[in-house]
Amino acid sequence: MSNSTADTTIEHKPSEVNESTNSIMEFLSNIKIDGMREEELDPEARSELIKEIVELQGGLKALIQKMETVKNEHDQMQSGNQILQTYINNLMSSNVLTSVNGGKKDG
C-alpha cells in the first residue's frame, strides 16, 4: 500500500481530446450563460470557458481514478482483515480446547 501524496497525471489520447472538445462545443451551444447563448460570447470568454471546463474534467477524472484506487485498497484490507479474523477465531477455539483438556495433548 502506498501513502504517496504525489499528483496523479492523466494522459489523454488525441481521440479522447477531440471527443472531449466536441462534447464541450455541443454543451456550450445548448446552454445560456448569464442570458447569452454561446454564439454571443466573445472569443476570449469562450476560450476561457472551454479551458475551465477541460480543467474541471481533468480534475474529475483524477478524483475518479483516486476513488477507484482507494476502493481497491479498501477491498484488499477488508480481505486481509477477514483472513486475520478467521486466524484469530481458530487460535481462540484452539486455546479453549487446550484449556478444557487441561493443557494435555491427546495421544
C-alpha atoms as a PDB file:
ATOM      1  CA  MET A   1       0.000   0.000   0.000  1.00  0.00           C
ATOM      2  CA  SER A   2       1.402   3.386  -0.954  1.00  0.00           C
ATOM      3  CA  ASN A   3       0.938   6.574   1.028  1.00  0.00           C
ATOM      4  CA  SER A   4       2.269   8.761  -1.768  1.00  0.00           C
ATOM      5  CA  THR A   5       0.832  12.244  -1.999  1.00  0.00           C
ATOM      6  CA  ALA A   6       2.222  12.861  -5.482  1.00  0.00           C
ATOM      7  CA  ASP A   7      -0.149  14.344  -8.002  1.00  0.00           C
ATOM      8  CA  THR A   8      -1.712  11.917 -10.423  1.00  0.00           C
ATOM      9  CA  THR A   9      -1.035  12.646 -14.075  1.00  0.00           C
ATOM     10  CA  ILE A  10      -3.688  11.699 -16.570  1.00  0.00           C
ATOM     11  CA  GLU A  11      -2.660  11.314 -20.171  1.00  0.00           C
ATOM     12  CA  HIS A  12      -5.207  11.785 -22.922  1.00  0.00           C
ATOM     13  CA  LYS A  13      -5.253  10.098 -26.286  1.00  0.00           C
ATOM     14  CA  PRO A  14      -5.785  12.514 -29.212  1.00  0.00           C
ATOM     15  CA  SER A  15      -9.175  10.934 -29.947  1.00  0.00           C
ATOM     16  CA  GLU A  16     -10.254  11.487 -26.325  1.00  0.00           C
ATOM     17  CA  VAL A  17      -9.239  15.144 -26.513  1.00  0.00           C
ATOM     18  CA  ASN A  18     -11.153  15.618 -29.771  1.00  0.00           C
ATOM     19  CA  GLU A  19     -14.222  13.878 -28.322  1.00  0.00           C
ATOM     20  CA  SER A  20     -13.929  15.999 -25.202  1.00  0.00           C
ATOM     21  CA  THR A  21     -13.623  19.197 -27.221  1.00  0.00           C
ATOM     22  CA  ASN A  22     -16.558  18.212 -29.407  1.00  0.00           C
ATOM     23  CA  SER A  23     -18.711  17.456 -26.366  1.00  0.00           C
ATOM     24  CA  ILE A  24     -17.725  20.809 -24.845  1.00  0.00           C
ATOM     25  CA  MET A  25     -18.672  22.611 -28.038  1.00  0.00           C
ATOM     26  CA  GLU A  26     -22.007  20.786 -28.140  1.00  0.00           C
ATOM     27  CA  PHE A  27     -22.582  21.568 -24.471  1.00  0.00           C
ATOM     28  CA  LEU A  28     -21.807  25.256 -24.963  1.00  0.00           C
ATOM     29  CA  SER A  29     -24.096  25.537 -27.961  1.00  0.00           C
ATOM     30  CA  ASN A  30     -27.029  24.229 -25.909  1.00  0.00           C
ATOM     31  CA  ILE A  31     -26.698  26.459 -22.856  1.00  0.00           C
ATOM     32  CA  LYS A  32     -27.114  30.092 -21.983  1.00  0.00           C
ATOM     33  CA  ILE A  33     -24.504  31.799 -19.849  1.00  0.00           C
ATOM     34  CA  ASP A  34     -25.834  34.824 -17.977  1.00  0.00           C
ATOM     35  CA  GLY A  35     -28.635  35.041 -20.536  1.00  0.00           C
ATOM     36  CA  MET A  36     -26.268  34.825 -23.522  1.00  0.00           C
ATOM     37  CA  ARG A  37     -26.042  31.982 -25.984  1.00  0.00           C
ATOM     38  CA  GLU A  38     -22.624  30.517 -26.766  1.00  0.00           C
ATOM     39  CA  GLU A  39     -22.577  32.264 -30.147  1.00  0.00           C
ATOM     40  CA  GLU A  40     -22.897  35.624 -28.368  1.00  0.00           C
ATOM     41  CA  LEU A  41     -19.778  35.108 -26.214  1.00  0.00           C
ATOM     42  CA  ASP A  42     -16.660  36.915 -27.329  1.00  0.00           C
ATOM     43  CA  PRO A  43     -13.910  34.548 -28.465  1.00  0.00           C
ATOM     44  CA  GLU A  44     -11.732  35.240 -25.412  1.00  0.00           C
ATOM     45  CA  ALA A  45     -14.525  34.486 -22.905  1.00  0.00           C
ATOM     46  CA  ARG A  46     -15.464  31.399 -24.885  1.00  0.00           C
ATOM     47  CA  SER A  47     -11.857  30.198 -24.898  1.00  0.00           C
ATOM     48  CA  GLU A  48     -11.542  30.758 -21.131  1.00  0.00           C
ATOM     49  CA  LEU A  49     -14.779  28.878 -20.509  1.00  0.00           C
ATOM     50  CA  ILE A  50     -13.595  25.933 -22.601  1.00  0.00           C
ATOM     51  CA  LYS A  51     -10.256  25.904 -20.743  1.00  0.00           C
ATOM     52  CA  GLU A  52     -12.036  25.894 -17.399  1.00  0.00           C
ATOM     53  CA  ILE A  53     -14.321  23.045 -18.466  1.00  0.00           C
ATOM     54  CA  VAL A  54     -11.381  20.960 -19.688  1.00  0.00           C
ATOM     55  CA  GLU A  55      -9.506  21.584 -16.414  1.00  0.00           C
ATOM     56  CA  LEU A  56     -12.575  20.578 -14.393  1.00  0.00           C
ATOM     57  CA  GLN A  57     -12.956  17.420 -16.477  1.00  0.00           C
ATOM     58  CA  GLY A  58      -9.305  16.552 -15.818  1.00  0.00           C
ATOM     59  CA  GLY A  59      -9.807  17.106 -12.102  1.00  0.00           C
ATOM     60  CA  LEU A  60     -12.906  14.931 -12.124  1.00  0.00           C
ATOM     61  CA  LYS A  61     -11.053  12.149 -13.933  1.00  0.00           C
ATOM     62  CA  ALA A  62      -8.242  12.356 -11.361  1.00  0.00           C
ATOM     63  CA  LEU A  63     -10.751  12.165  -8.495  1.00  0.00           C
ATOM     64  CA  ILE A  64     -12.466   9.151 -10.051  1.00  0.00           C
ATOM     65  CA  GLN A  65      -9.110   7.427 -10.505  1.00  0.00           C
ATOM     66  CA  LYS A  66      -8.157   8.163  -6.877  1.00  0.00           C
ATOM     67  CA  MET A  67     -11.538   6.886  -5.693  1.00  0.00           C
ATOM     68  CA  GLU A  68     -11.021   3.622  -7.589  1.00  0.00           C
ATOM     69  CA  THR A  69      -7.532   3.249  -6.085  1.00  0.00           C
ATOM     70  CA  VAL A  70      -8.837   3.818  -2.555  1.00  0.00           C
ATOM     71  CA  LYS A  71     -11.696   1.365  -3.157  1.00  0.00           C
ATOM     72  CA  ASN A  72      -9.238  -1.314  -4.315  1.00  0.00           C
ATOM     73  CA  GLU A  73      -7.043  -0.696  -1.261  1.00  0.00           C
ATOM     74  CA  HIS A  74     -10.126  -0.928   0.974  1.00  0.00           C
ATOM     75  CA  ASP A  75     -11.153  -4.232  -0.622  1.00  0.00           C
ATOM     76  CA  GLN A  76      -7.639  -5.640  -0.117  1.00  0.00           C
ATOM     77  CA  MET A  77      -7.576  -4.547   3.528  1.00  0.00           C
ATOM     78  CA  GLN A  78     -11.053  -5.961   4.136  1.00  0.00           C
ATOM     79  CA  SER A  79      -9.970  -9.295   2.683  1.00  0.00           C
ATOM     80  CA  GLY A  80      -6.839  -9.281   4.850  1.00  0.00           C
ATOM     81  CA  ASN A  81      -8.925  -8.450   7.912  1.00  0.00           C
ATOM     82  CA  GLN A  82     -11.259 -11.378   7.201  1.00  0.00           C
ATOM     83  CA  ILE A  83      -8.281 -13.726   6.966  1.00  0.00           C
ATOM     84  CA  LEU A  84      -6.880 -12.377  10.242  1.00  0.00           C
ATOM     85  CA  GLN A  85     -10.259 -12.701  11.949  1.00  0.00           C
ATOM     86  CA  THR A  86     -10.536 -16.333  10.858  1.00  0.00           C
ATOM     87  CA  TYR A  87      -6.992 -16.977  12.121  1.00  0.00           C
ATOM     88  CA  ILE A  88      -7.764 -15.329  15.477  1.00  0.00           C
ATOM     89  CA  ASN A  89     -11.012 -17.292  15.823  1.00  0.00           C
ATOM     90  CA  ASN A  90      -9.142 -20.529  15.106  1.00  0.00           C
ATOM     91  CA  LEU A  91      -6.489 -19.647  17.710  1.00  0.00           C
ATOM     92  CA  MET A  92      -9.158 -18.789  20.268  1.00  0.00           C
ATOM     93  CA  SER A  93     -11.060 -22.038  19.735  1.00  0.00           C
ATOM     94  CA  SER A  94      -7.772 -23.975  19.842  1.00  0.00           C
ATOM     95  CA  ASN A  95      -6.892 -22.213  23.093  1.00  0.00           C
ATOM     96  CA  VAL A  96     -10.323 -23.041  24.571  1.00  0.00           C
ATOM     97  CA  LEU A  97      -9.886 -26.715  23.650  1.00  0.00           C
ATOM     98  CA  THR A  98      -6.409 -26.762  25.182  1.00  0.00           C
ATOM     99  CA  SER A  99      -7.644 -25.231  28.429  1.00  0.00           C
ATOM    100  CA  VAL A 100     -10.617 -27.673  28.594  1.00  0.00           C
ATOM    101  CA  ASN A 101      -8.233 -30.624  28.206  1.00  0.00           C
ATOM    102  CA  GLY A 102      -6.043 -29.232  30.965  1.00  0.00           C
ATOM    103  CA  GLY A 103      -3.240 -28.401  28.611  1.00  0.00           C
ATOM    104  CA  LYS A 104      -2.747 -32.094  27.753  1.00  0.00           C
ATOM    105  CA  LYS A 105      -2.402 -33.236  24.207  1.00  0.00           C
ATOM    106  CA  ASP A 106      -4.298 -36.290  23.052  1.00  0.00           C
ATOM    107  CA  GLY A 107      -2.062 -39.161  22.272  1.00  0.00           C
END
